[in-house]
Structures are given as structure tokens and as C-alpha cells.
PDB file of all heavy atoms in Angstrom:
ATOM      1  N   THR A   1      86.159  98.175  90.013  1.00  0.00           N
ATOM      2  CA  THR A   1      85.909  97.910  88.613  1.00  0.00           C
ATOM      3  C   THR A   1      85.072  96.642  88.469  1.00  0.00           C
ATOM      4  O   THR A   1      84.136  96.584  87.569  1.00  0.00           O
ATOM      5  CB  THR A   1      87.267  97.775  87.844  1.00  0.00           C
ATOM      6  OG1 THR A   1      87.995  98.998  88.009  1.00  0.00           O
ATOM      7  CG2 THR A   1      87.039  97.523  86.354  1.00  0.00           C
ATOM      8  N   ALA A   2      85.356  95.578  89.259  1.00  0.00           N
ATOM      9  CA  ALA A   2      84.624  94.324  89.140  1.00  0.00           C
ATOM     10  C   ALA A   2      83.246  94.524  89.551  1.00  0.00           C
ATOM     11  O   ALA A   2      82.286  93.828  89.027  1.00  0.00           O
ATOM     12  CB  ALA A   2      85.318  93.281  89.945  1.00  0.00           C
ATOM     13  N   GLY A   3      82.961  95.415  90.452  1.00  0.00           N
ATOM     14  CA  GLY A   3      81.546  95.574  90.990  1.00  0.00           C
ATOM     15  C   GLY A   3      80.801  96.683  90.244  1.00  0.00           C
ATOM     16  O   GLY A   3      79.641  96.969  90.528  1.00  0.00           O
ATOM     17  N   PHE A   4      81.407  97.346  89.327  1.00  0.00           N
ATOM     18  CA  PHE A   4      80.775  98.560  88.702  1.00  0.00           C
ATOM     19  C   PHE A   4      79.532  98.200  87.880  1.00  0.00           C
ATOM     20  O   PHE A   4      78.497  98.725  88.087  1.00  0.00           O
ATOM     21  CB  PHE A   4      81.793  99.277  87.736  1.00  0.00           C
ATOM     22  CG  PHE A   4      81.188 100.436  87.133  1.00  0.00           C
ATOM     23  CD1 PHE A   4      80.825 101.543  87.728  1.00  0.00           C
ATOM     24  CD2 PHE A   4      80.977 100.383  85.679  1.00  0.00           C
ATOM     25  CE1 PHE A   4      80.300 102.596  87.088  1.00  0.00           C
ATOM     26  CE2 PHE A   4      80.508 101.480  84.998  1.00  0.00           C
ATOM     27  CZ  PHE A   4      80.169 102.587  85.707  1.00  0.00           C
ATOM     28  N   LEU A   5      79.676  97.251  86.915  1.00  0.00           N
ATOM     29  CA  LEU A   5      78.511  96.910  86.123  1.00  0.00           C
ATOM     30  C   LEU A   5      77.368  96.251  86.843  1.00  0.00           C
ATOM     31  O   LEU A   5      76.193  96.603  86.699  1.00  0.00           O
ATOM     32  CB  LEU A   5      78.964  96.045  84.910  1.00  0.00           C
ATOM     33  CG  LEU A   5      79.606  96.791  83.793  1.00  0.00           C
ATOM     34  CD1 LEU A   5      80.047  95.816  82.682  1.00  0.00           C
ATOM     35  CD2 LEU A   5      78.799  97.960  83.275  1.00  0.00           C
ATOM     36  N   PRO A   6      77.627  95.276  87.791  1.00  0.00           N
ATOM     37  CA  PRO A   6      76.538  94.798  88.552  1.00  0.00           C
ATOM     38  C   PRO A   6      75.843  95.884  89.462  1.00  0.00           C
ATOM     39  O   PRO A   6      74.633  95.889  89.567  1.00  0.00           O
ATOM     40  CB  PRO A   6      77.182  93.794  89.547  1.00  0.00           C
ATOM     41  CG  PRO A   6      78.381  93.324  88.764  1.00  0.00           C
ATOM     42  CD  PRO A   6      78.868  94.526  88.132  1.00  0.00           C
ATOM     43  N   ALA A   7      76.566  96.793  89.938  1.00  0.00           N
ATOM     44  CA  ALA A   7      75.981  97.942  90.717  1.00  0.00           C
ATOM     45  C   ALA A   7      75.138  98.801  89.812  1.00  0.00           C
ATOM     46  O   ALA A   7      74.061  99.272  90.188  1.00  0.00           O
ATOM     47  CB  ALA A   7      77.038  98.729  91.442  1.00  0.00           C
ATOM     48  N   CYS A   8      75.615  98.984  88.601  1.00  0.00           N
ATOM     49  CA  CYS A   8      74.836  99.786  87.594  1.00  0.00           C
ATOM     50  C   CYS A   8      73.476  99.059  87.279  1.00  0.00           C
ATOM     51  O   CYS A   8      72.469  99.789  87.079  1.00  0.00           O
ATOM     52  CB  CYS A   8      75.671 100.001  86.298  1.00  0.00           C
ATOM     53  SG  CYS A   8      77.049 101.156  86.586  1.00  0.00           S
ATOM     54  N   VAL A   9      73.546  97.713  87.186  1.00  0.00           N
ATOM     55  CA  VAL A   9      72.301  97.079  86.891  1.00  0.00           C
ATOM     56  C   VAL A   9      71.307  97.227  87.969  1.00  0.00           C
ATOM     57  O   VAL A   9      70.096  97.495  87.811  1.00  0.00           O
ATOM     58  CB  VAL A   9      72.596  95.581  86.583  1.00  0.00           C
ATOM     59  CG1 VAL A   9      71.293  94.735  86.578  1.00  0.00           C
ATOM     60  CG2 VAL A   9      73.376  95.376  85.365  1.00  0.00           C
ATOM     61  N   THR A  10      71.794  97.078  89.260  1.00  0.00           N
ATOM     62  CA  THR A  10      70.902  97.294  90.409  1.00  0.00           C
ATOM     63  C   THR A  10      70.426  98.722  90.467  1.00  0.00           C
ATOM     64  O   THR A  10      69.217  98.926  90.756  1.00  0.00           O
ATOM     65  CB  THR A  10      71.700  96.927  91.690  1.00  0.00           C
ATOM     66  OG1 THR A  10      72.185  95.620  91.594  1.00  0.00           O
ATOM     67  CG2 THR A  10      70.846  97.134  92.936  1.00  0.00           C
ATOM     68  N   LEU A  11      71.269  99.717  90.157  1.00  0.00           N
ATOM     69  CA  LEU A  11      70.815 101.112  90.169  1.00  0.00           C
ATOM     70  C   LEU A  11      69.723 101.275  89.110  1.00  0.00           C
ATOM     71  O   LEU A  11      68.741 101.949  89.388  1.00  0.00           O
ATOM     72  CB  LEU A  11      72.055 102.018  89.840  1.00  0.00           C
ATOM     73  CG  LEU A  11      71.713 103.482  89.704  1.00  0.00           C
ATOM     74  CD1 LEU A  11      71.378 104.099  91.024  1.00  0.00           C
ATOM     75  CD2 LEU A  11      72.922 104.256  89.105  1.00  0.00           C
ATOM     76  N   ALA A  12      69.923 100.792  87.898  1.00  0.00           N
ATOM     77  CA  ALA A  12      68.915 100.912  86.860  1.00  0.00           C
ATOM     78  C   ALA A  12      67.609 100.284  87.296  1.00  0.00           C
ATOM     79  O   ALA A  12      66.543 100.839  87.019  1.00  0.00           O
ATOM     80  CB  ALA A  12      69.413 100.317  85.564  1.00  0.00           C
ATOM     81  N   ARG A  13      67.688  99.154  87.854  1.00  0.00           N
ATOM     82  CA  ARG A  13      66.402  98.438  88.309  1.00  0.00           C
ATOM     83  C   ARG A  13      65.682  99.275  89.356  1.00  0.00           C
ATOM     84  O   ARG A  13      64.376  99.405  89.310  1.00  0.00           O
ATOM     85  CB  ARG A  13      66.782  97.097  88.834  1.00  0.00           C
ATOM     86  CG  ARG A  13      65.629  96.198  89.199  1.00  0.00           C
ATOM     87  CD  ARG A  13      66.062  94.865  89.628  1.00  0.00           C
ATOM     88  NE  ARG A  13      67.172  94.805  90.477  1.00  0.00           N
ATOM     89  CZ  ARG A  13      67.108  94.983  91.843  1.00  0.00           C
ATOM     90  NH1 ARG A  13      65.988  95.104  92.468  1.00  0.00           N
ATOM     91  NH2 ARG A  13      68.246  94.867  92.536  1.00  0.00           N
ATOM     92  N   ARG A  14      66.431  99.895  90.290  1.00  0.00           N
ATOM     93  CA  ARG A  14      65.836 100.640  91.334  1.00  0.00           C
ATOM     94  C   ARG A  14      65.315 101.965  90.786  1.00  0.00           C
ATOM     95  O   ARG A  14      64.209 102.432  91.229  1.00  0.00           O
ATOM     96  CB  ARG A  14      66.824 100.921  92.514  1.00  0.00           C
ATOM     97  CG  ARG A  14      67.166  99.615  93.209  1.00  0.00           C
ATOM     98  CD  ARG A  14      68.242  99.942  94.285  1.00  0.00           C
ATOM     99  NE  ARG A  14      68.488  98.717  95.035  1.00  0.00           N
ATOM    100  CZ  ARG A  14      69.561  98.612  95.845  1.00  0.00           C
ATOM    101  NH1 ARG A  14      70.331  99.664  96.109  1.00  0.00           N
ATOM    102  NH2 ARG A  14      69.819  97.498  96.546  1.00  0.00           N
ATOM    103  N   LEU A  15      66.039 102.616  89.857  1.00  0.00           N
ATOM    104  CA  LEU A  15      65.549 103.863  89.297  1.00  0.00           C
ATOM    105  C   LEU A  15      64.315 103.699  88.435  1.00  0.00           C
ATOM    106  O   LEU A  15      63.503 104.623  88.356  1.00  0.00           O
ATOM    107  CB  LEU A  15      66.686 104.600  88.496  1.00  0.00           C
ATOM    108  CG  LEU A  15      67.847 105.076  89.305  1.00  0.00           C
ATOM    109  CD1 LEU A  15      68.826 105.678  88.356  1.00  0.00           C
ATOM    110  CD2 LEU A  15      67.399 106.134  90.338  1.00  0.00           C
ATOM    111  N   ARG A  16      64.244 102.568  87.787  1.00  0.00           N
ATOM    112  CA  ARG A  16      63.100 102.305  86.956  1.00  0.00           C
ATOM    113  C   ARG A  16      61.797 102.380  87.656  1.00  0.00           C
ATOM    114  O   ARG A  16      60.750 102.875  87.095  1.00  0.00           O
ATOM    115  CB  ARG A  16      63.241 100.861  86.296  1.00  0.00           C
ATOM    116  CG  ARG A  16      62.191 100.598  85.304  1.00  0.00           C
ATOM    117  CD  ARG A  16      62.303  99.172  84.778  1.00  0.00           C
ATOM    118  NE  ARG A  16      62.052  98.272  85.908  1.00  0.00           N
ATOM    119  CZ  ARG A  16      62.517  97.006  85.961  1.00  0.00           C
ATOM    120  NH1 ARG A  16      63.193  96.556  84.932  1.00  0.00           N
ATOM    121  NH2 ARG A  16      62.297  96.361  87.015  1.00  0.00           N
ATOM    122  N   GLY A  17      61.706 101.901  88.842  1.00  0.00           N
ATOM    123  CA  GLY A  17      60.523 101.950  89.640  1.00  0.00           C
ATOM    124  C   GLY A  17      60.226 103.193  90.478  1.00  0.00           C
ATOM    125  O   GLY A  17      59.260 103.233  91.211  1.00  0.00           O
ATOM    126  N   ASP A  18      61.117 104.113  90.399  1.00  0.00           N
ATOM    127  CA  ASP A  18      61.022 105.289  91.329  1.00  0.00           C
ATOM    128  C   ASP A  18      60.306 106.474  90.547  1.00  0.00           C
ATOM    129  O   ASP A  18      60.634 106.823  89.462  1.00  0.00           O
ATOM    130  CB  ASP A  18      62.421 105.798  91.702  1.00  0.00           C
ATOM    131  CG  ASP A  18      62.451 106.735  92.935  1.00  0.00           C
ATOM    132  OD1 ASP A  18      61.461 107.521  93.046  1.00  0.00           O
ATOM    133  OD2 ASP A  18      63.312 106.693  93.697  1.00  0.00           O
ATOM    134  N   ASP A  19      59.226 106.951  91.184  1.00  0.00           N
ATOM    135  CA  ASP A  19      58.470 107.982  90.633  1.00  0.00           C
ATOM    136  C   ASP A  19      59.156 109.360  90.543  1.00  0.00           C
ATOM    137  O   ASP A  19      58.761 110.214  89.760  1.00  0.00           O
ATOM    138  CB  ASP A  19      57.102 108.177  91.384  1.00  0.00           C
ATOM    139  CG  ASP A  19      56.216 106.949  91.177  1.00  0.00           C
ATOM    140  OD1 ASP A  19      56.371 106.278  90.072  1.00  0.00           O
ATOM    141  OD2 ASP A  19      55.429 106.710  92.081  1.00  0.00           O
ATOM    142  N   ARG A  20      60.187 109.527  91.304  1.00  0.00           N
ATOM    143  CA  ARG A  20      60.969 110.716  91.366  1.00  0.00           C
ATOM    144  C   ARG A  20      61.893 110.977  90.149  1.00  0.00           C
ATOM    145  O   ARG A  20      62.510 111.975  89.965  1.00  0.00           O
ATOM    146  CB  ARG A  20      61.696 110.943  92.613  1.00  0.00           C
ATOM    147  CG  ARG A  20      60.827 110.861  93.851  1.00  0.00           C
ATOM    148  CD  ARG A  20      61.648 110.847  95.113  1.00  0.00           C
ATOM    149  NE  ARG A  20      62.286 109.468  95.219  1.00  0.00           N
ATOM    150  CZ  ARG A  20      63.069 109.157  96.227  1.00  0.00           C
ATOM    151  NH1 ARG A  20      63.356 110.004  97.207  1.00  0.00           N
ATOM    152  NH2 ARG A  20      63.591 107.923  96.237  1.00  0.00           N
ATOM    153  N   VAL A  21      62.097 109.862  89.352  1.00  0.00           N
ATOM    154  CA  VAL A  21      62.987 109.900  88.301  1.00  0.00           C
ATOM    155  C   VAL A  21      62.271 110.253  86.931  1.00  0.00           C
ATOM    156  O   VAL A  21      61.243 109.705  86.564  1.00  0.00           O
ATOM    157  CB  VAL A  21      63.610 108.511  88.081  1.00  0.00           C
ATOM    158  CG1 VAL A  21      64.465 108.466  86.843  1.00  0.00           C
ATOM    159  CG2 VAL A  21      64.364 108.098  89.310  1.00  0.00           C
ATOM    160  N   PRO A  22      62.733 111.392  86.273  1.00  0.00           N
ATOM    161  CA  PRO A  22      62.074 111.757  85.065  1.00  0.00           C
ATOM    162  C   PRO A  22      62.141 110.726  83.985  1.00  0.00           C
ATOM    163  O   PRO A  22      63.088 109.900  83.949  1.00  0.00           O
ATOM    164  CB  PRO A  22      62.897 112.965  84.546  1.00  0.00           C
ATOM    165  CG  PRO A  22      63.803 113.328  85.740  1.00  0.00           C
ATOM    166  CD  PRO A  22      63.879 112.204  86.602  1.00  0.00           C
ATOM    167  N   TRP A  23      61.172 110.661  83.037  1.00  0.00           N
ATOM    168  CA  TRP A  23      61.082 109.644  82.052  1.00  0.00           C
ATOM    169  C   TRP A  23      62.254 109.672  81.131  1.00  0.00           C
ATOM    170  O   TRP A  23      62.744 108.607  80.649  1.00  0.00           O
ATOM    171  CB  TRP A  23      59.727 109.680  81.272  1.00  0.00           C
ATOM    172  CG  TRP A  23      59.623 110.891  80.388  1.00  0.00           C
ATOM    173  CD1 TRP A  23      59.103 112.137  80.704  1.00  0.00           C
ATOM    174  CD2 TRP A  23      59.995 111.028  79.008  1.00  0.00           C
ATOM    175  NE1 TRP A  23      59.113 112.960  79.626  1.00  0.00           N
ATOM    176  CE2 TRP A  23      59.659 112.263  78.599  1.00  0.00           C
ATOM    177  CE3 TRP A  23      60.579 110.092  78.153  1.00  0.00           C
ATOM    178  CZ2 TRP A  23      59.970 112.704  77.326  1.00  0.00           C
ATOM    179  CZ3 TRP A  23      60.814 110.588  76.835  1.00  0.00           C
ATOM    180  CH2 TRP A  23      60.502 111.840  76.413  1.00  0.00           C
ATOM    181  N   ARG A  24      62.871 110.815  80.814  1.00  0.00           N
ATOM    182  CA  ARG A  24      64.027 110.905  79.913  1.00  0.00           C
ATOM    183  C   ARG A  24      65.222 110.160  80.520  1.00  0.00           C
ATOM    184  O   ARG A  24      65.942 109.483  79.852  1.00  0.00           O
ATOM    185  CB  ARG A  24      64.375 112.302  79.586  1.00  0.00           C
ATOM    186  CG  ARG A  24      63.402 112.963  78.628  1.00  0.00           C
ATOM    187  CD  ARG A  24      63.812 114.332  78.233  1.00  0.00           C
ATOM    188  NE  ARG A  24      62.840 114.914  77.372  1.00  0.00           N
ATOM    189  CZ  ARG A  24      62.972 116.131  76.832  1.00  0.00           C
ATOM    190  NH1 ARG A  24      64.008 116.879  77.261  1.00  0.00           N
ATOM    191  NH2 ARG A  24      62.102 116.553  76.015  1.00  0.00           N
TER     192      ARG A  24
END
């Protein structure tokens, strides 16, 4: 639980730059 939101922030940052992720 303590690591959930920081891990989500890292996930969002990594997905933002990935071309395999749809824009929606």
C-alpha cells in the first residue's frame, strides 16, 4: 500500500513515452 502510488507515478511516466501505448 505504501509503495502503490509511487509505483503508479513511475508506471505513468514510463507509459507516457512508449509508442506501443494507445493515446486514449
